[in-house]
N, C-alpha and C. Protein backbone atom coordinates (compact mmCIF):
# COMPACT_ATOMS: atom_id res chain seq x y z
N MET A 1 25.89 -53.50 -53.85
CA MET A 1 25.42 -52.67 -54.72
C MET A 1 24.60 -51.60 -54.55
N THR A 2 24.43 -50.47 -54.75
CA THR A 2 23.31 -49.55 -54.23
C THR A 2 23.15 -49.27 -55.89
N TYR A 3 21.89 -48.74 -56.21
CA TYR A 3 21.19 -48.41 -57.11
C TYR A 3 20.11 -47.64 -56.51
N TRP A 4 20.12 -46.67 -57.63
CA TRP A 4 18.57 -45.67 -57.69
C TRP A 4 18.17 -45.04 -58.78
N PHE A 5 17.04 -44.46 -58.88
CA PHE A 5 16.33 -43.86 -59.76
C PHE A 5 15.57 -42.90 -59.39
N VAL A 6 15.11 -42.00 -59.97
CA VAL A 6 14.64 -40.75 -59.36
C VAL A 6 13.08 -40.43 -60.46
N VAL A 7 11.59 -40.26 -60.03
CA VAL A 7 10.99 -40.17 -60.65
C VAL A 7 9.72 -39.05 -59.90
N ASP A 8 9.59 -38.05 -60.67
CA ASP A 8 8.65 -36.98 -60.17
C ASP A 8 9.38 -36.47 -58.84
N ARG A 9 10.65 -36.48 -58.58
CA ARG A 9 11.37 -35.51 -57.07
C ARG A 9 11.03 -36.96 -56.20
N ILE A 10 10.82 -37.91 -56.56
CA ILE A 10 10.94 -39.02 -55.28
C ILE A 10 12.36 -39.97 -55.79
N ILE A 11 13.21 -40.14 -54.79
CA ILE A 11 14.40 -40.81 -55.22
C ILE A 11 13.71 -42.18 -54.93
N PHE A 12 14.07 -43.36 -55.73
CA PHE A 12 13.77 -44.98 -55.20
C PHE A 12 15.44 -45.28 -54.95
N ILE A 13 15.80 -46.11 -53.93
CA ILE A 13 17.22 -46.54 -53.33
C ILE A 13 17.02 -47.85 -53.23
N VAL A 14 17.28 -48.86 -54.16
CA VAL A 14 17.53 -49.80 -53.95
C VAL A 14 18.43 -50.47 -53.27
N ASP A 15 18.75 -50.97 -52.07
CA ASP A 15 19.68 -51.26 -51.41
C ASP A 15 20.69 -50.32 -50.77
N PRO A 16 20.48 -49.30 -49.93
CA PRO A 16 21.12 -48.53 -49.40
C PRO A 16 22.37 -48.94 -48.88
N GLY A 17 23.41 -49.31 -49.70
CA GLY A 17 24.89 -49.98 -48.44
C GLY A 17 25.70 -49.36 -49.10
N ASP A 18 25.72 -48.51 -49.89
CA ASP A 18 27.30 -47.48 -50.50
C ASP A 18 27.29 -46.35 -49.96
N PRO A 19 28.05 -45.91 -48.70
CA PRO A 19 28.35 -45.22 -48.25
C PRO A 19 28.75 -43.78 -49.12
N ASP A 20 29.62 -44.29 -50.10
CA ASP A 20 29.82 -43.16 -51.01
C ASP A 20 28.95 -42.35 -51.64
N PHE A 21 27.18 -43.18 -52.15
CA PHE A 21 26.71 -42.80 -52.37
C PHE A 21 25.83 -42.20 -51.80
N LEU A 22 25.73 -42.45 -50.80
CA LEU A 22 25.03 -41.86 -49.70
C LEU A 22 25.29 -40.27 -49.15
N GLU A 23 26.83 -40.13 -49.03
CA GLU A 23 27.42 -38.92 -48.86
C GLU A 23 27.15 -38.17 -50.03
N SER A 24 27.16 -38.47 -51.04
CA SER A 24 26.58 -37.47 -52.32
C SER A 24 25.04 -37.06 -52.38
N LEU A 25 24.15 -37.50 -52.02
CA LEU A 25 22.81 -37.03 -52.02
C LEU A 25 22.81 -35.96 -50.84
N ASP A 26 21.91 -35.04 -52.18
CA ASP A 26 21.33 -33.73 -51.38
C ASP A 26 19.99 -33.85 -51.09
N PRO A 27 19.00 -34.10 -49.93
CA PRO A 27 17.59 -34.04 -49.84
C PRO A 27 16.94 -33.00 -50.59
N ARG A 28 17.81 -31.78 -50.62
CA ARG A 28 16.75 -30.78 -51.02
C ARG A 28 16.28 -31.14 -52.96
N ASP A 29 17.37 -32.10 -53.42
CA ASP A 29 17.00 -32.19 -54.17
C ASP A 29 15.74 -33.34 -54.39
N TYR A 30 15.31 -33.53 -53.69
CA TYR A 30 14.05 -34.80 -53.74
C TYR A 30 13.04 -34.21 -52.75
N ASP A 31 11.77 -34.82 -53.41
CA ASP A 31 10.68 -34.81 -52.32
C ASP A 31 10.54 -35.72 -51.20
N GLU A 32 11.21 -36.76 -51.50
CA GLU A 32 11.01 -38.17 -50.91
C GLU A 32 12.16 -39.13 -51.14
N CYS A 33 12.10 -40.20 -50.18
CA CYS A 33 13.17 -41.06 -50.29
C CYS A 33 12.51 -42.55 -50.28
N ARG A 34 12.37 -43.48 -50.98
CA ARG A 34 12.05 -44.40 -51.03
C ARG A 34 12.92 -45.65 -51.35
N ILE A 35 12.86 -46.57 -50.39
CA ILE A 35 14.02 -47.61 -50.31
C ILE A 35 13.21 -48.67 -50.67
N LEU A 36 13.80 -49.66 -51.44
CA LEU A 36 13.85 -50.82 -51.69
C LEU A 36 14.37 -51.78 -51.39
N LEU A 37 13.91 -52.62 -50.47
CA LEU A 37 15.28 -53.80 -50.27
C LEU A 37 14.85 -55.02 -50.61
N THR A 38 16.17 -55.60 -50.97
CA THR A 38 16.10 -56.95 -51.70
C THR A 38 16.41 -58.12 -50.59
N HIS A 39 16.71 -57.43 -49.50
CA HIS A 39 16.73 -58.13 -48.33
C HIS A 39 17.54 -57.39 -47.21
N ALA A 40 17.48 -57.81 -45.92
CA ALA A 40 17.69 -56.96 -45.26
C ALA A 40 19.32 -57.28 -44.21
N HIS A 41 19.97 -58.05 -44.96
CA HIS A 41 21.30 -57.91 -44.18
C HIS A 41 22.25 -57.03 -44.42
N PHE A 42 22.89 -56.61 -43.28
CA PHE A 42 23.82 -55.61 -43.05
C PHE A 42 24.72 -55.01 -44.64
N ASP A 43 24.90 -55.49 -45.56
CA ASP A 43 25.56 -54.86 -46.23
C ASP A 43 24.73 -54.41 -47.50
N HIS A 44 23.36 -54.41 -46.91
CA HIS A 44 22.19 -53.94 -48.12
C HIS A 44 21.58 -52.80 -47.23
N ILE A 45 21.82 -52.86 -45.91
CA ILE A 45 20.68 -51.53 -45.04
C ILE A 45 21.95 -50.52 -44.57
N TYR A 46 23.00 -50.76 -44.68
CA TYR A 46 24.12 -49.84 -43.99
C TYR A 46 23.67 -48.28 -44.16
N GLY A 47 22.73 -48.09 -45.17
CA GLY A 47 23.06 -46.54 -45.20
C GLY A 47 21.25 -46.18 -44.76
N VAL A 48 20.74 -47.13 -44.57
CA VAL A 48 19.32 -46.37 -43.96
C VAL A 48 19.37 -45.65 -42.76
N PRO A 49 19.86 -45.76 -41.94
CA PRO A 49 20.24 -44.95 -40.83
C PRO A 49 20.64 -43.21 -41.43
N GLU A 50 21.72 -43.29 -42.04
CA GLU A 50 21.80 -41.99 -42.85
C GLU A 50 20.56 -41.60 -43.39
N LEU A 51 20.01 -42.35 -44.16
CA LEU A 51 18.88 -41.69 -45.10
C LEU A 51 17.81 -41.22 -44.34
N LEU A 52 17.38 -41.62 -43.13
CA LEU A 52 16.59 -41.66 -41.75
C LEU A 52 16.80 -40.20 -41.48
N ARG A 53 18.29 -40.06 -41.11
CA ARG A 53 18.71 -38.38 -41.01
C ARG A 53 18.80 -37.28 -41.73
N LYS A 54 18.89 -37.54 -42.87
CA LYS A 54 18.74 -36.90 -44.08
C LYS A 54 17.74 -36.44 -44.70
N PHE A 55 16.74 -37.37 -44.78
CA PHE A 55 15.27 -37.15 -45.29
C PHE A 55 13.92 -37.06 -44.51
N GLU A 56 13.81 -36.07 -44.80
CA GLU A 56 12.23 -35.93 -43.64
C GLU A 56 11.06 -37.07 -44.03
N LYS A 57 11.35 -37.34 -45.23
CA LYS A 57 10.03 -38.56 -45.66
C LYS A 57 10.72 -39.60 -46.16
N VAL A 58 11.02 -40.84 -45.57
CA VAL A 58 11.40 -42.23 -45.88
C VAL A 58 10.82 -43.03 -45.82
N SER A 59 10.29 -43.86 -47.02
CA SER A 59 9.68 -45.14 -46.61
C SER A 59 10.26 -46.52 -47.22
N ILE A 60 10.06 -46.94 -46.54
CA ILE A 60 10.81 -48.56 -46.35
C ILE A 60 10.21 -50.09 -46.87
N PHE A 61 10.16 -50.31 -48.40
CA PHE A 61 9.44 -51.56 -48.98
C PHE A 61 10.04 -52.74 -48.56
N THR A 62 9.37 -53.65 -47.95
CA THR A 62 10.01 -54.63 -47.65
C THR A 62 8.98 -55.89 -47.42
N ASN A 63 9.16 -56.90 -46.63
CA ASN A 63 8.29 -57.75 -46.17
C ASN A 63 8.57 -57.91 -44.79
N GLU A 64 7.31 -58.86 -43.84
CA GLU A 64 7.59 -58.56 -42.57
C GLU A 64 8.88 -59.29 -42.25
N ASP A 65 9.31 -60.25 -42.60
CA ASP A 65 10.91 -60.83 -42.43
C ASP A 65 12.00 -59.37 -42.50
N GLY A 66 11.39 -58.30 -43.24
CA GLY A 66 12.53 -57.51 -44.00
C GLY A 66 12.65 -56.67 -42.73
N ALA A 67 11.18 -56.16 -42.19
CA ALA A 67 11.14 -55.26 -41.09
C ALA A 67 11.94 -55.87 -39.67
N GLU A 68 11.83 -57.01 -39.34
CA GLU A 68 11.94 -57.32 -38.02
C GLU A 68 13.71 -57.64 -38.22
N THR A 69 13.80 -58.23 -39.59
CA THR A 69 15.76 -58.24 -39.56
C THR A 69 16.26 -57.30 -39.87
N LEU A 70 15.71 -55.87 -39.87
CA LEU A 70 16.13 -54.56 -40.12
C LEU A 70 16.25 -53.95 -38.89
N CYS A 71 15.55 -54.41 -38.02
CA CYS A 71 15.18 -53.49 -36.23
C CYS A 71 16.13 -54.67 -35.58
N SER A 72 17.00 -55.56 -35.92
CA SER A 72 17.63 -56.27 -35.13
C SER A 72 19.44 -56.57 -35.42
N ALA A 73 20.07 -55.95 -34.83
CA ALA A 73 21.29 -56.19 -35.31
C ALA A 73 21.92 -57.51 -35.44
N LYS A 74 20.90 -58.36 -34.46
CA LYS A 74 21.92 -59.65 -34.69
C LYS A 74 21.42 -60.48 -35.67
N LYS A 75 20.01 -60.25 -36.13
CA LYS A 75 19.18 -60.90 -37.06
C LYS A 75 20.15 -60.08 -38.55
N ASN A 76 20.33 -58.71 -38.86
CA ASN A 76 20.70 -58.30 -39.84
C ASN A 76 22.30 -58.59 -40.14
N LEU A 77 22.90 -59.19 -39.17
CA LEU A 77 24.20 -59.71 -39.10
C LEU A 77 25.01 -58.42 -38.65
N SER A 78 24.68 -57.17 -38.51
CA SER A 78 25.53 -56.40 -38.27
C SER A 78 26.31 -56.14 -37.04
N LYS A 79 25.99 -57.21 -36.04
CA LYS A 79 25.84 -56.94 -34.67
C LYS A 79 27.71 -57.79 -35.22
N TYR A 80 27.62 -58.49 -35.64
CA TYR A 80 29.55 -58.99 -36.25
C TYR A 80 30.26 -58.40 -36.76
N GLN A 81 29.47 -57.19 -37.44
CA GLN A 81 30.45 -56.33 -38.56
C GLN A 81 31.03 -54.98 -37.50
N GLY A 82 30.67 -54.87 -36.32
CA GLY A 82 31.43 -53.68 -35.43
C GLY A 82 30.66 -52.75 -35.43
N GLU A 83 29.52 -52.61 -36.55
CA GLU A 83 28.55 -51.22 -36.50
C GLU A 83 27.41 -51.99 -36.32
N PRO A 84 26.55 -52.20 -35.21
CA PRO A 84 25.47 -52.20 -35.43
C PRO A 84 24.40 -51.50 -35.85
N ILE A 85 23.54 -51.73 -36.56
CA ILE A 85 22.35 -51.35 -37.32
C ILE A 85 21.21 -51.90 -36.84
N GLU A 86 20.47 -51.16 -36.32
CA GLU A 86 18.81 -51.33 -35.51
C GLU A 86 18.15 -50.05 -35.92
N ILE A 87 16.96 -50.52 -36.37
CA ILE A 87 15.98 -49.27 -36.65
C ILE A 87 14.85 -49.57 -35.49
N ASN A 88 14.51 -48.03 -35.13
CA ASN A 88 13.32 -48.37 -33.91
C ASN A 88 11.87 -48.50 -34.71
N ARG A 89 11.05 -49.57 -34.86
CA ARG A 89 10.10 -50.03 -35.88
C ARG A 89 8.82 -49.04 -35.73
N GLU A 90 8.96 -48.66 -34.36
CA GLU A 90 7.97 -47.74 -34.10
C GLU A 90 8.06 -46.50 -34.57
N GLU A 91 9.31 -46.05 -34.86
CA GLU A 91 9.53 -44.74 -35.56
C GLU A 91 9.90 -44.89 -37.10
N MET A 92 9.25 -45.97 -37.52
CA MET A 92 9.66 -46.21 -39.14
C MET A 92 8.52 -46.29 -40.15
N ASP A 93 8.33 -45.64 -41.12
CA ASP A 93 7.40 -46.00 -42.07
C ASP A 93 7.68 -47.42 -43.17
N PHE A 94 7.36 -48.28 -42.70
CA PHE A 94 7.55 -49.49 -43.09
C PHE A 94 5.87 -49.71 -44.32
N LEU A 95 6.17 -50.15 -45.28
CA LEU A 95 5.04 -50.59 -46.41
C LEU A 95 5.58 -51.80 -46.59
N PHE A 96 4.72 -52.87 -46.44
CA PHE A 96 4.77 -53.69 -46.10
C PHE A 96 3.92 -54.62 -47.67
N VAL A 97 4.72 -55.45 -48.47
CA VAL A 97 4.54 -55.84 -49.94
C VAL A 97 4.28 -57.25 -49.70
N ASP A 98 3.49 -57.83 -50.85
CA ASP A 98 3.53 -59.39 -50.96
C ASP A 98 3.77 -59.36 -52.23
N HIS A 99 3.94 -60.90 -52.36
CA HIS A 99 4.24 -61.54 -53.73
C HIS A 99 3.72 -60.72 -54.86
N CYS A 100 4.28 -60.40 -55.78
CA CYS A 100 3.86 -59.73 -57.05
C CYS A 100 3.14 -58.17 -56.87
N ASP A 101 3.16 -58.08 -56.04
CA ASP A 101 2.38 -56.13 -55.87
C ASP A 101 3.20 -55.30 -56.35
N PHE A 102 1.99 -54.69 -57.16
CA PHE A 102 2.60 -53.54 -57.54
C PHE A 102 2.98 -52.62 -56.74
N ILE A 103 3.91 -51.44 -56.46
CA ILE A 103 3.75 -50.69 -55.80
C ILE A 103 3.95 -49.44 -56.41
N TYR A 104 4.19 -49.13 -57.62
CA TYR A 104 4.17 -47.92 -58.25
C TYR A 104 3.63 -48.44 -59.65
N LYS A 105 2.90 -47.23 -60.03
CA LYS A 105 2.20 -47.47 -61.48
C LYS A 105 3.39 -47.10 -62.58
N SER A 106 3.87 -45.84 -62.32
CA SER A 106 5.09 -45.15 -63.97
C SER A 106 6.04 -44.71 -63.11
N PRO A 107 7.48 -45.65 -63.61
CA PRO A 107 7.49 -46.78 -63.75
C PRO A 107 6.91 -48.04 -63.03
N SER A 108 6.63 -48.88 -63.46
CA SER A 108 5.84 -50.16 -62.98
C SER A 108 6.59 -50.67 -62.15
N ILE A 109 6.41 -51.06 -60.69
CA ILE A 109 7.69 -51.47 -59.79
C ILE A 109 6.89 -52.54 -59.45
N ARG A 110 7.36 -53.80 -59.49
CA ARG A 110 6.73 -54.74 -58.80
C ARG A 110 7.46 -55.82 -57.93
N ALA A 111 6.90 -56.29 -56.81
CA ALA A 111 7.88 -56.90 -55.96
C ALA A 111 7.36 -58.46 -56.09
N ILE A 112 8.69 -59.12 -56.28
CA ILE A 112 8.39 -60.80 -56.54
C ILE A 112 9.52 -61.52 -55.43
N PHE A 113 8.23 -62.21 -54.47
CA PHE A 113 9.20 -62.47 -53.14
C PHE A 113 10.30 -63.83 -53.80
N THR A 114 11.35 -63.77 -53.68
CA THR A 114 12.64 -64.71 -53.93
C THR A 114 13.44 -65.54 -52.68
N PRO A 115 12.77 -65.95 -51.66
CA PRO A 115 13.50 -66.37 -50.67
C PRO A 115 14.08 -67.40 -50.67
N GLY A 116 15.48 -67.61 -50.07
CA GLY A 116 16.25 -68.73 -50.42
C GLY A 116 17.43 -68.59 -49.72
N HIS A 117 17.94 -67.41 -49.95
CA HIS A 117 19.34 -66.53 -49.02
C HIS A 117 19.18 -66.03 -48.17
N HIS A 118 17.58 -65.48 -47.72
CA HIS A 118 17.08 -65.15 -46.68
C HIS A 118 15.15 -64.60 -46.97
N PRO A 119 14.76 -64.96 -46.01
CA PRO A 119 13.30 -64.86 -46.10
C PRO A 119 12.89 -63.35 -46.54
N SER A 120 13.41 -62.48 -45.91
CA SER A 120 13.23 -61.34 -45.99
C SER A 120 13.55 -61.05 -48.04
N CYS A 121 13.94 -61.69 -48.73
CA CYS A 121 14.79 -61.68 -50.08
C CYS A 121 13.01 -61.25 -50.77
N ILE A 122 13.26 -60.42 -51.87
CA ILE A 122 12.61 -59.49 -52.74
C ILE A 122 13.17 -59.25 -54.17
N THR A 123 12.84 -59.54 -55.10
CA THR A 123 13.50 -59.27 -56.23
C THR A 123 12.60 -57.95 -56.93
N TRP A 124 12.64 -56.89 -57.27
CA TRP A 124 12.25 -55.53 -57.79
C TRP A 124 12.01 -56.04 -59.33
N MET A 125 11.08 -55.80 -59.87
CA MET A 125 11.29 -55.59 -61.42
C MET A 125 10.73 -54.69 -62.19
N ILE A 126 11.45 -53.88 -62.69
CA ILE A 126 10.78 -52.21 -63.12
C ILE A 126 10.57 -52.09 -64.45
N ASP A 127 9.35 -51.70 -64.75
CA ASP A 127 8.61 -51.79 -66.24
C ASP A 127 8.76 -52.79 -66.68
N GLY A 128 8.92 -54.33 -66.29
CA GLY A 128 9.09 -55.55 -67.07
C GLY A 128 10.59 -55.41 -67.50
N GLU A 129 11.78 -54.31 -67.43
CA GLU A 129 12.97 -54.57 -68.30
C GLU A 129 13.79 -54.53 -67.64
N CYS A 130 14.10 -54.07 -65.69
CA CYS A 130 15.20 -54.55 -64.99
C CYS A 130 14.48 -55.27 -64.05
N PHE A 131 15.63 -56.31 -63.37
CA PHE A 131 15.46 -56.74 -62.24
C PHE A 131 16.81 -56.57 -61.50
N PHE A 132 16.27 -55.96 -60.20
CA PHE A 132 17.02 -55.72 -58.76
C PHE A 132 17.16 -57.44 -57.89
N THR A 133 18.06 -58.18 -58.25
CA THR A 133 17.57 -59.11 -57.40
C THR A 133 18.47 -59.48 -56.41
N GLY A 134 19.07 -58.45 -56.00
CA GLY A 134 19.74 -58.60 -54.30
C GLY A 134 20.67 -59.68 -54.38
N ASP A 135 20.85 -60.57 -53.72
CA ASP A 135 21.83 -61.87 -53.84
C ASP A 135 20.66 -63.16 -53.92
N SER A 136 19.62 -62.88 -54.43
CA SER A 136 18.95 -64.51 -55.06
C SER A 136 18.98 -64.72 -56.30
N TYR A 137 19.66 -63.90 -56.96
CA TYR A 137 20.41 -64.18 -58.18
C TYR A 137 21.41 -63.30 -58.58
N ILE A 138 22.68 -64.02 -58.61
CA ILE A 138 24.10 -63.25 -59.21
C ILE A 138 24.61 -64.06 -59.83
N PRO A 139 24.28 -63.58 -61.57
CA PRO A 139 24.85 -64.38 -62.53
C PRO A 139 26.45 -65.21 -62.40
N GLY A 140 26.28 -66.58 -62.43
CA GLY A 140 27.48 -67.25 -62.16
C GLY A 140 27.99 -67.51 -60.77
N ILE A 141 27.65 -66.99 -59.76
CA ILE A 141 27.38 -66.89 -58.11
C ILE A 141 26.26 -67.89 -58.05
N PRO A 142 26.69 -69.38 -57.23
CA PRO A 142 25.75 -69.89 -56.60
C PRO A 142 25.24 -68.81 -55.45
N VAL A 143 23.70 -69.10 -55.09
CA VAL A 143 23.34 -68.48 -54.12
C VAL A 143 23.63 -69.00 -52.45
N VAL A 144 24.19 -67.83 -51.79
CA VAL A 144 24.81 -68.62 -50.25
C VAL A 144 23.19 -68.35 -49.45
N THR A 145 23.35 -69.64 -48.77
CA THR A 145 22.25 -70.46 -47.88
C THR A 145 22.59 -70.92 -46.82
N ASN A 146 24.00 -70.92 -46.22
CA ASN A 146 24.13 -71.15 -45.32
C ASN A 146 24.35 -70.08 -43.99
N LEU A 147 23.63 -69.05 -44.24
CA LEU A 147 23.43 -68.09 -43.08
C LEU A 147 21.94 -68.05 -42.69
N PRO A 148 22.12 -67.27 -41.20
CA PRO A 148 20.50 -67.83 -40.77
C PRO A 148 19.34 -67.45 -41.36
N GLY A 149 18.25 -68.45 -41.77
CA GLY A 149 17.05 -68.20 -42.75
C GLY A 149 17.17 -68.61 -44.13
N GLY A 150 18.86 -69.30 -44.61
CA GLY A 150 18.72 -69.51 -45.50
C GLY A 150 18.21 -70.80 -46.06
N ARG A 151 17.69 -71.31 -47.09
CA ARG A 151 17.29 -72.47 -47.36
C ARG A 151 17.70 -72.91 -48.85
N LYS A 152 18.15 -73.89 -49.22
CA LYS A 152 19.19 -74.22 -50.32
C LYS A 152 17.88 -74.50 -51.54
N GLU A 153 16.72 -75.53 -50.98
CA GLU A 153 15.84 -75.62 -51.85
C GLU A 153 15.05 -74.39 -52.71
N LEU A 154 14.78 -73.77 -51.51
CA LEU A 154 13.83 -72.52 -51.90
C LEU A 154 15.20 -71.52 -53.06
N ALA A 155 16.25 -71.57 -52.65
CA ALA A 155 17.31 -70.68 -53.25
C ALA A 155 17.66 -71.21 -54.94
N ARG A 156 17.62 -72.11 -54.65
CA ARG A 156 17.54 -72.76 -56.20
C ARG A 156 16.58 -72.72 -56.95
N LYS A 157 15.23 -72.77 -56.47
CA LYS A 157 14.07 -73.04 -57.15
C LYS A 157 14.14 -71.30 -57.36
N TRP A 158 14.35 -70.37 -57.01
CA TRP A 158 14.40 -69.09 -57.23
C TRP A 158 15.01 -68.09 -58.33
N GLU A 159 16.17 -69.57 -58.25
CA GLU A 159 17.59 -69.10 -58.73
C GLU A 159 16.91 -69.07 -60.17
N ASN A 160 16.58 -70.38 -60.46
CA ASN A 160 16.20 -70.76 -61.58
C ASN A 160 14.72 -70.11 -62.59
N ARG A 161 13.99 -69.71 -61.41
CA ARG A 161 12.93 -68.69 -61.86
C ARG A 161 13.10 -67.31 -62.40
N LEU A 162 13.91 -66.92 -61.87
CA LEU A 162 14.91 -65.74 -61.76
C LEU A 162 15.62 -66.09 -63.49
N LYS A 163 16.25 -66.57 -63.52
CA LYS A 163 16.98 -66.80 -65.03
C LYS A 163 15.68 -67.02 -65.64
N GLU A 164 15.04 -67.77 -65.77
CA GLU A 164 13.78 -67.70 -66.96
C GLU A 164 12.71 -66.28 -66.82
N LEU A 165 12.64 -65.67 -65.94
CA LEU A 165 12.07 -64.39 -65.77
C LEU A 165 12.83 -62.90 -66.86
N SER A 166 14.12 -63.37 -66.21
CA SER A 166 15.27 -62.15 -66.46
C SER A 166 15.80 -62.42 -68.15
N GLU A 167 15.07 -63.43 -68.78
CA GLU A 167 15.65 -63.51 -70.03
C GLU A 167 15.72 -62.44 -70.72
N GLY A 168 16.86 -62.06 -71.46
CA GLY A 168 17.09 -61.17 -72.02
C GLY A 168 16.71 -59.24 -71.61
N LEU A 169 16.69 -59.36 -70.35
CA LEU A 169 16.25 -58.20 -69.81
C LEU A 169 17.41 -57.73 -68.63
N SER A 170 17.90 -56.35 -68.14
CA SER A 170 19.15 -56.37 -67.49
C SER A 170 18.92 -56.74 -65.77
N ILE A 171 19.86 -57.27 -65.47
CA ILE A 171 20.00 -57.73 -64.16
C ILE A 171 21.07 -56.88 -63.38
N TYR A 172 20.58 -56.55 -62.34
CA TYR A 172 21.33 -55.84 -61.02
C TYR A 172 21.30 -56.35 -59.85
N PRO A 173 22.68 -57.41 -59.64
CA PRO A 173 22.54 -58.40 -58.74
C PRO A 173 22.97 -56.90 -57.62
N GLY A 174 23.09 -57.87 -56.49
CA GLY A 174 23.49 -57.29 -55.17
C GLY A 174 24.77 -56.92 -54.83
N HIS A 175 25.64 -57.38 -55.73
CA HIS A 175 27.01 -57.58 -55.67
C HIS A 175 27.41 -57.65 -56.98
N LYS A 176 29.55 -57.24 -57.04
CA LYS A 176 29.55 -57.31 -58.49
C LYS A 176 29.99 -58.59 -58.76
N VAL A 177 29.65 -58.75 -59.92
CA VAL A 177 30.10 -60.67 -60.47
C VAL A 177 31.74 -60.20 -61.12
């Protein structure tokens, strides 16, 4: 699932994996593009190369594991999907976040590290109202931990913590429920 919102002519895109959405974007409508990755598996990063072609200014918010995974078709699993995705790290504007970093003031955008599915997992909390959980928490579906980097005990811990934190809030998971 790809989600987006616009603030002051800056488009924030959470997990650019939806090719139909990307085709509809006109970069003239925005001053810059900021990508918030919930993690760097191929189905969440599919559109990154297209965004890099379309926009003059693109920043990717992730952690060190996310950058490393995004730059390797083997690690992001796209090598096994027939369309390898590898981003040249030297040519990319990665903005690394730490657990509980606030990366934007209004709306308030907060990064919460939620490893378990993958070490690059970050849940994004917007204005304390919305949670973009990626694959760290999909209501009613157990977290997948059998892929490289998955850790069952961490996944369970963060899934339970996200259930608590998101009580009564809007949850936007990485896949349809």
